[in-house]
PDB file of N, CA and C in Angstrom:
ATOM      1  N   UNK A   1       7.149 -28.004  -7.820  1.00  0.00           N
ATOM      2  CA  UNK A   1       5.971 -27.136  -6.912  1.00  0.00           C
ATOM      3  C   UNK A   1       4.894 -27.099  -7.281  1.00  0.00           C
ATOM      4  N   UNK A   2       4.195 -27.150  -6.521  1.00  0.00           N
ATOM      5  CA  UNK A   2       2.587 -26.779  -6.879  1.00  0.00           C
ATOM      6  C   UNK A   2       2.118 -25.502  -6.463  1.00  0.00           C
ATOM      7  N   UNK A   3       1.590 -25.006  -7.514  1.00  0.00           N
ATOM      8  CA  UNK A   3       1.261 -23.517  -7.178  1.00  0.00           C
ATOM      9  C   UNK A   3      -0.240 -23.487  -6.143  1.00  0.00           C
ATOM     10  N   UNK A   4      -0.329 -23.108  -5.698  1.00  0.00           N
ATOM     11  CA  UNK A   4      -1.470 -22.259  -5.067  1.00  0.00           C
ATOM     12  C   UNK A   4      -2.248 -21.144  -5.636  1.00  0.00           C
ATOM     13  N   UNK A   5      -3.402 -21.451  -6.592  1.00  0.00           N
ATOM     14  CA  UNK A   5      -4.043 -20.651  -7.464  1.00  0.00           C
ATOM     15  C   UNK A   5      -4.624 -19.505  -6.759  1.00  0.00           C
ATOM     16  N   UNK A   6      -5.324 -19.995  -5.578  1.00  0.00           N
ATOM     17  CA  UNK A   6      -6.273 -18.880  -4.758  1.00  0.00           C
ATOM     18  C   UNK A   6      -5.077 -18.044  -4.441  1.00  0.00           C
ATOM     19  N   UNK A   7      -4.079 -18.508  -3.598  1.00  0.00           N
ATOM     20  CA  UNK A   7      -3.151 -17.615  -3.131  1.00  0.00           C
ATOM     21  C   UNK A   7      -2.458 -16.731  -3.887  1.00  0.00           C
ATOM     22  N   UNK A   8      -2.267 -17.245  -5.359  1.00  0.00           N
ATOM     23  CA  UNK A   8      -1.704 -16.396  -6.385  1.00  0.00           C
ATOM     24  C   UNK A   8      -2.635 -15.285  -6.688  1.00  0.00           C
ATOM     25  N   UNK A   9      -3.854 -15.845  -6.830  1.00  0.00           N
ATOM     26  CA  UNK A   9      -4.894 -14.648  -7.273  1.00  0.00           C
ATOM     27  C   UNK A   9      -5.093 -13.697  -6.294  1.00  0.00           C
ATOM     28  N   UNK A  10      -4.874 -14.166  -4.838  1.00  0.00           N
ATOM     29  CA  UNK A  10      -4.921 -13.095  -3.857  1.00  0.00           C
ATOM     30  C   UNK A  10      -3.644 -12.286  -4.099  1.00  0.00           C
ATOM     31  N   UNK A  11      -2.687 -12.600  -4.071  1.00  0.00           N
ATOM     32  CA  UNK A  11      -1.437 -11.929  -4.394  1.00  0.00           C
ATOM     33  C   UNK A  11      -1.525 -10.568  -5.678  1.00  0.00           C
ATOM     34  N   UNK A  12      -2.223 -11.157  -6.590  1.00  0.00           N
ATOM     35  CA  UNK A  12      -2.392 -10.233  -7.953  1.00  0.00           C
ATOM     36  C   UNK A  12      -3.213  -9.385  -7.606  1.00  0.00           C
ATOM     37  N   UNK A  13      -4.434  -9.431  -7.120  1.00  0.00           N
ATOM     38  CA  UNK A  13      -5.332  -8.729  -6.871  1.00  0.00           C
ATOM     39  C   UNK A  13      -4.809  -7.602  -5.738  1.00  0.00           C
ATOM     40  N   UNK A  14      -3.959  -8.319  -4.924  1.00  0.00           N
ATOM     41  CA  UNK A  14      -3.649  -7.315  -3.657  1.00  0.00           C
ATOM     42  C   UNK A  14      -2.713  -6.258  -4.050  1.00  0.00           C
ATOM     43  N   UNK A  15      -1.748  -6.904  -5.167  1.00  0.00           N
ATOM     44  CA  UNK A  15      -0.763  -5.938  -5.940  1.00  0.00           C
ATOM     45  C   UNK A  15      -1.343  -5.105  -6.837  1.00  0.00           C
ATOM     46  N   UNK A  16      -2.208  -5.615  -7.623  1.00  0.00           N
ATOM     47  CA  UNK A  16      -3.036  -4.492  -8.384  1.00  0.00           C
ATOM     48  C   UNK A  16      -3.695  -3.498  -7.884  1.00  0.00           C
ATOM     49  N   UNK A  17      -4.437  -3.678  -6.592  1.00  0.00           N
ATOM     50  CA  UNK A  17      -5.154  -2.436  -5.842  1.00  0.00           C
ATOM     51  C   UNK A  17      -3.852  -1.727  -5.240  1.00  0.00           C
ATOM     52  N   UNK A  18      -2.693  -2.190  -4.599  1.00  0.00           N
ATOM     53  CA  UNK A  18      -1.884  -1.417  -4.020  1.00  0.00           C
ATOM     54  C   UNK A  18      -1.055  -0.430  -4.994  1.00  0.00           C
ATOM     55  N   UNK A  19      -0.675  -1.169  -6.119  1.00  0.00           N
ATOM     56  CA  UNK A  19       0.116  -0.073  -7.298  1.00  0.00           C
ATOM     57  C   UNK A  19      -0.657   1.200  -7.328  1.00  0.00           C
ATOM     58  N   UNK A  20      -1.823   1.505  -7.597  1.00  0.00           N
ATOM     59  CA  UNK A  20      -2.616   2.674  -7.738  1.00  0.00           C
ATOM     60  C   UNK A  20      -2.586   3.657  -6.315  1.00  0.00           C
ATOM     61  N   UNK A  21      -3.179   2.859  -5.556  1.00  0.00           N
ATOM     62  CA  UNK A  21      -2.986   3.557  -4.228  1.00  0.00           C
ATOM     63  C   UNK A  21      -1.842   4.055  -3.852  1.00  0.00           C
ATOM     64  N   UNK A  22      -0.946   3.140  -3.373  1.00  0.00           N
ATOM     65  CA  UNK A  22       0.528   3.543  -3.258  1.00  0.00           C
ATOM     66  C   UNK A  22       1.080   4.863  -3.811  1.00  0.00           C
ATOM     67  N   UNK A  23       0.712   4.841  -5.383  1.00  0.00           N
ATOM     68  CA  UNK A  23       1.005   5.962  -6.218  1.00  0.00           C
ATOM     69  C   UNK A  23       0.421   7.180  -5.623  1.00  0.00           C
ATOM     70  N   UNK A  24      -0.865   7.333  -5.694  1.00  0.00           N
ATOM     71  CA  UNK A  24      -1.573   8.316  -5.194  1.00  0.00           C
ATOM     72  C   UNK A  24      -1.113   8.695  -3.713  1.00  0.00           C
ATOM     73  N   UNK A  25      -1.124   7.855  -2.662  1.00  0.00           N
ATOM     74  CA  UNK A  25      -0.682   8.526  -1.290  1.00  0.00           C
ATOM     75  C   UNK A  25       0.996   8.700  -1.538  1.00  0.00           C
ATOM     76  N   UNK A  26       1.363   8.211  -1.917  1.00  0.00           N
ATOM     77  CA  UNK A  26       3.215   8.636  -2.106  1.00  0.00           C
ATOM     78  C   UNK A  26       2.961  10.216  -2.881  1.00  0.00           C
ATOM     79  N   UNK A  27       2.299  10.448  -3.452  1.00  0.00           N
ATOM     80  CA  UNK A  27       1.968  11.818  -4.443  1.00  0.00           C
ATOM     81  C   UNK A  27       1.730  12.965  -3.670  1.00  0.00           C
ATOM     82  N   UNK A  28       0.563  12.629  -2.900  1.00  0.00           N
ATOM     83  CA  UNK A  28      -0.340  13.424  -1.791  1.00  0.00           C
ATOM     84  C   UNK A  28       0.973  13.825  -0.369  1.00  0.00           C
ATOM     85  N   UNK A  29       1.510  12.848  -0.132  1.00  0.00           N
ATOM     86  CA  UNK A  29       2.504  13.097   0.991  1.00  0.00           C
ATOM     87  C   UNK A  29       3.508  13.742   0.243  1.00  0.00           C
ATOM     88  N   UNK A  30       3.896  13.766  -0.684  1.00  0.00           N
ATOM     89  CA  UNK A  30       4.896  14.547  -1.289  1.00  0.00           C
ATOM     90  C   UNK A  30       4.348  15.898  -1.729  1.00  0.00           C
ATOM     91  N   UNK A  31       3.052  15.982  -1.920  1.00  0.00           N
ATOM     92  CA  UNK A  31       2.598  17.315  -1.984  1.00  0.00           C
ATOM     93  C   UNK A  31       1.948  18.193  -0.674  1.00  0.00           C
ATOM     94  N   UNK A  32       2.051  17.281  -0.036  1.00  0.00           N
ATOM     95  CA  UNK A  32       1.601  18.015   1.564  1.00  0.00           C
ATOM     96  C   UNK A  32       3.112  18.517   2.090  1.00  0.00           C
ATOM     97  N   UNK A  33       4.009  17.465   1.980  1.00  0.00           N
ATOM     98  CA  UNK A  33       5.119  17.926   2.624  1.00  0.00           C
ATOM     99  C   UNK A  33       5.940  18.906   2.038  1.00  0.00           C
ATOM    100  N   UNK A  34       5.777  19.139   0.941  1.00  0.00           N
ATOM    101  CA  UNK A  34       6.412  20.175  -0.347  1.00  0.00           C
ATOM    102  C   UNK A  34       5.646  21.515   0.324  1.00  0.00           C
ATOM    103  N   UNK A  35       3.994  21.531   0.905  1.00  0.00           N
ATOM    104  CA  UNK A  35       3.233  22.734   1.291  1.00  0.00           C
ATOM    105  C   UNK A  35       3.955  23.042   2.449  1.00  0.00           C
ATOM    106  N   UNK A  36       4.347  21.931   3.307  1.00  0.00           N
ATOM    107  CA  UNK A  36       4.639  22.418   4.514  1.00  0.00           C
ATOM    108  C   UNK A  36       6.235  23.188   4.435  1.00  0.00           C
ATOM    109  N   UNK A  37       6.755  22.557   3.341  1.00  0.00           N
ATOM    110  CA  UNK A  37       8.290  23.420   3.239  1.00  0.00           C
ATOM    111  C   UNK A  37       9.425  22.399   3.897  1.00  0.00           C
ATOM    112  N   UNK A  38       8.884  20.944   3.781  1.00  0.00           N
ATOM    113  CA  UNK A  38       9.977  20.279   4.242  1.00  0.00           C
ATOM    114  C   UNK A  38      10.552  19.639   3.257  1.00  0.00           C
ATOM    115  N   UNK A  39      11.980  20.248   3.497  1.00  0.00           N
ATOM    116  CA  UNK A  39      13.094  19.788   2.371  1.00  0.00           C
ATOM    117  C   UNK A  39      13.930  18.923   2.980  1.00  0.00           C
ATOM    118  N   UNK A  40      13.668  18.348   4.139  1.00  0.00           N
ATOM    119  CA  UNK A  40      14.746  17.109   4.855  1.00  0.00           C
ATOM    120  C   UNK A  40      14.108  15.617   3.932  1.00  0.00           C
ATOM    121  N   UNK A  41      15.101  14.961   3.297  1.00  0.00           N
ATOM    122  CA  UNK A  41      14.779  14.021   2.707  1.00  0.00           C
ATOM    123  C   UNK A  41      14.509  12.903   3.625  1.00  0.00           C
ATOM    124  N   UNK A  42      15.327  12.664   4.720  1.00  0.00           N
ATOM    125  CA  UNK A  42      15.129  11.935   5.401  1.00  0.00           C
ATOM    126  C   UNK A  42      13.614  11.960   6.380  1.00  0.00           C
ATOM    127  N   UNK A  43      12.927  13.021   6.881  1.00  0.00           N
ATOM    128  CA  UNK A  43      11.927  13.058   7.242  1.00  0.00           C
ATOM    129  C   UNK A  43      10.965  12.958   6.050  1.00  0.00           C
ATOM    130  N   UNK A  44      10.847  13.227   4.688  1.00  0.00           N
ATOM    131  CA  UNK A  44      10.305  12.842   3.752  1.00  0.00           C
ATOM    132  C   UNK A  44       9.898  11.209   3.576  1.00  0.00           C
ATOM    133  N   UNK A  45      11.154  10.698   3.686  1.00  0.00           N
ATOM    134  CA  UNK A  45      11.284   9.189   3.616  1.00  0.00           C
ATOM    135  C   UNK A  45      10.511   8.518   4.551  1.00  0.00           C
ATOM    136  N   UNK A  46      10.845   8.928   5.790  1.00  0.00           N
ATOM    137  CA  UNK A  46       9.919   8.242   6.894  1.00  0.00           C
ATOM    138  C   UNK A  46       8.446   8.323   6.778  1.00  0.00           C
ATOM    139  N   UNK A  47       8.255   9.707   6.490  1.00  0.00           N
ATOM    140  CA  UNK A  47       6.940  10.287   6.663  1.00  0.00           C
ATOM    141  C   UNK A  47       6.175   8.871   5.154  1.00  0.00           C
ATOM    142  N   UNK A  48       6.816   8.895   3.990  1.00  0.00           N
ATOM    143  CA  UNK A  48       6.275   7.921   3.152  1.00  0.00           C
ATOM    144  C   UNK A  48       6.190   6.449   3.669  1.00  0.00           C
ATOM    145  N   UNK A  49       7.082   5.907   4.030  1.00  0.00           N
ATOM    146  CA  UNK A  49       7.208   4.791   4.731  1.00  0.00           C
ATOM    147  C   UNK A  49       5.959   4.539   5.510  1.00  0.00           C
ATOM    148  N   UNK A  50       5.963   5.528   6.748  1.00  0.00           N
ATOM    149  CA  UNK A  50       4.994   5.394   7.718  1.00  0.00           C
ATOM    150  C   UNK A  50       3.575   5.247   6.995  1.00  0.00           C
ATOM    151  N   UNK A  51       3.149   6.081   6.096  1.00  0.00           N
ATOM    152  CA  UNK A  51       1.884   6.073   5.487  1.00  0.00           C
ATOM    153  C   UNK A  51       1.431   5.056   4.987  1.00  0.00           C
ATOM    154  N   UNK A  52       2.633   4.399   3.798  1.00  0.00           N
ATOM    155  CA  UNK A  52       2.569   3.427   3.007  1.00  0.00           C
ATOM    156  C   UNK A  52       2.225   2.531   3.650  1.00  0.00           C
ATOM    157  N   UNK A  53       3.022   2.193   4.931  1.00  0.00           N
ATOM    158  CA  UNK A  53       2.862   0.663   5.896  1.00  0.00           C
ATOM    159  C   UNK A  53       1.610   0.994   6.224  1.00  0.00           C
ATOM    160  N   UNK A  54       0.952   1.818   6.706  1.00  0.00           N
ATOM    161  CA  UNK A  54      -0.706   1.988   7.324  1.00  0.00           C
ATOM    162  C   UNK A  54      -1.665   1.601   6.421  1.00  0.00           C
ATOM    163  N   UNK A  55      -1.174   2.183   5.248  1.00  0.00           N
ATOM    164  CA  UNK A  55      -2.405   1.523   4.236  1.00  0.00           C
ATOM    165  C   UNK A  55      -1.930   0.567   3.585  1.00  0.00           C
ATOM    166  N   UNK A  56      -1.005  -0.162   3.337  1.00  0.00           N
ATOM    167  CA  UNK A  56      -0.742  -1.550   2.764  1.00  0.00           C
ATOM    168  C   UNK A  56      -1.496  -2.615   4.175  1.00  0.00           C
ATOM    169  N   UNK A  57      -1.218  -2.362   5.311  1.00  0.00           N
ATOM    170  CA  UNK A  57      -1.751  -3.259   6.387  1.00  0.00           C
ATOM    171  C   UNK A  57      -3.248  -3.177   6.279  1.00  0.00           C
ATOM    172  N   UNK A  58      -3.507  -2.018   6.089  1.00  0.00           N
ATOM    173  CA  UNK A  58      -5.281  -2.063   6.187  1.00  0.00           C
ATOM    174  C   UNK A  58      -5.705  -2.756   4.977  1.00  0.00           C
ATOM    175  N   UNK A  59      -4.880  -2.484   3.532  1.00  0.00           N
ATOM    176  CA  UNK A  59      -5.210  -3.067   2.336  1.00  0.00           C
ATOM    177  C   UNK A  59      -4.896  -4.574   2.475  1.00  0.00           C
ATOM    178  N   UNK A  60      -4.354  -4.988   3.091  1.00  0.00           N
ATOM    179  CA  UNK A  60      -3.763  -6.288   3.096  1.00  0.00           C
ATOM    180  C   UNK A  60      -5.174  -7.423   4.130  1.00  0.00           C
ATOM    181  N   UNK A  61      -5.172  -6.337   5.099  1.00  0.00           N
ATOM    182  CA  UNK A  61      -6.395  -6.898   6.043  1.00  0.00           C
ATOM    183  C   UNK A  61      -7.707  -7.019   5.137  1.00  0.00           C
ATOM    184  N   UNK A  62      -8.200  -5.967   4.335  1.00  0.00           N
ATOM    185  CA  UNK A  62      -9.336  -6.032   3.690  1.00  0.00           C
ATOM    186  C   UNK A  62      -9.278  -7.048   2.604  1.00  0.00           C
ATOM    187  N   UNK A  63      -8.585  -7.209   1.807  1.00  0.00           N
ATOM    188  CA  UNK A  63      -8.207  -8.142   0.783  1.00  0.00           C
ATOM    189  C   UNK A  63      -8.207  -9.959   1.353  1.00  0.00           C
ATOM    190  N   UNK A  64      -7.784  -9.600   2.491  1.00  0.00           N
ATOM    191  CA  UNK A  64      -7.437 -11.091   2.980  1.00  0.00           C
ATOM    192  C   UNK A  64      -8.907 -11.410   3.776  1.00  0.00           C
ATOM    193  N   UNK A  65      -9.755 -10.365   4.429  1.00  0.00           N
ATOM    194  CA  UNK A  65     -11.239 -10.716   5.000  1.00  0.00           C
ATOM    195  C   UNK A  65     -11.815 -11.105   3.705  1.00  0.00           C
ATOM    196  N   UNK A  66     -11.587 -10.276   2.603  1.00  0.00           N
ATOM    197  CA  UNK A  66     -12.538 -10.794   1.228  1.00  0.00           C
ATOM    198  C   UNK A  66     -11.975 -12.168   1.193  1.00  0.00           C
ATOM    199  N   UNK A  67     -11.170 -12.373   0.914  1.00  0.00           N
ATOM    200  CA  UNK A  67     -10.890 -13.776   0.547  1.00  0.00           C
ATOM    201  C   UNK A  67     -11.019 -14.968   1.502  1.00  0.00           C
ATOM    202  N   UNK A  68     -11.025 -14.522   2.747  1.00  0.00           N
ATOM    203  CA  UNK A  68     -11.152 -15.409   3.805  1.00  0.00           C
ATOM    204  C   UNK A  68     -12.785 -15.946   3.613  1.00  0.00           C
ATOM    205  N   UNK A  69     -13.244 -14.862   3.412  1.00  0.00           N
ATOM    206  CA  UNK A  69     -14.999 -14.838   3.488  1.00  0.00           C
ATOM    207  C   UNK A  69     -15.541 -15.707   2.217  1.00  0.00           C
ATOM    208  N   UNK A  70     -14.869 -16.174   1.108  1.00  0.00           N
ATOM    209  CA  UNK A  70     -15.145 -16.787   0.236  1.00  0.00           C
ATOM    210  C   UNK A  70     -14.639 -18.103   0.212  1.00  0.00           C
ATOM    211  N   UNK A  71     -14.523 -18.919   1.068  1.00  0.00           N
ATOM    212  CA  UNK A  71     -14.338 -20.384   1.056  1.00  0.00           C
ATOM    213  C   UNK A  71     -15.258 -20.960   0.825  1.00  0.00           C
TER     214      UNK A  71
END
């Protein structure tokens, strides 16, 4: 199996960017929902999934555009 080094590098960079971003936003969502008094775990998990998904799409788009322009 041949490894695509450019794709591997892009994946590592994207994951490296995503880890601190996800931690920060997950914490902020928990803080905000706690301030609003939300105790329902389903609402908390759905909110986190929605926020983190939007952030992941934006992050992945930016990384892909950056690596796409480096051809």
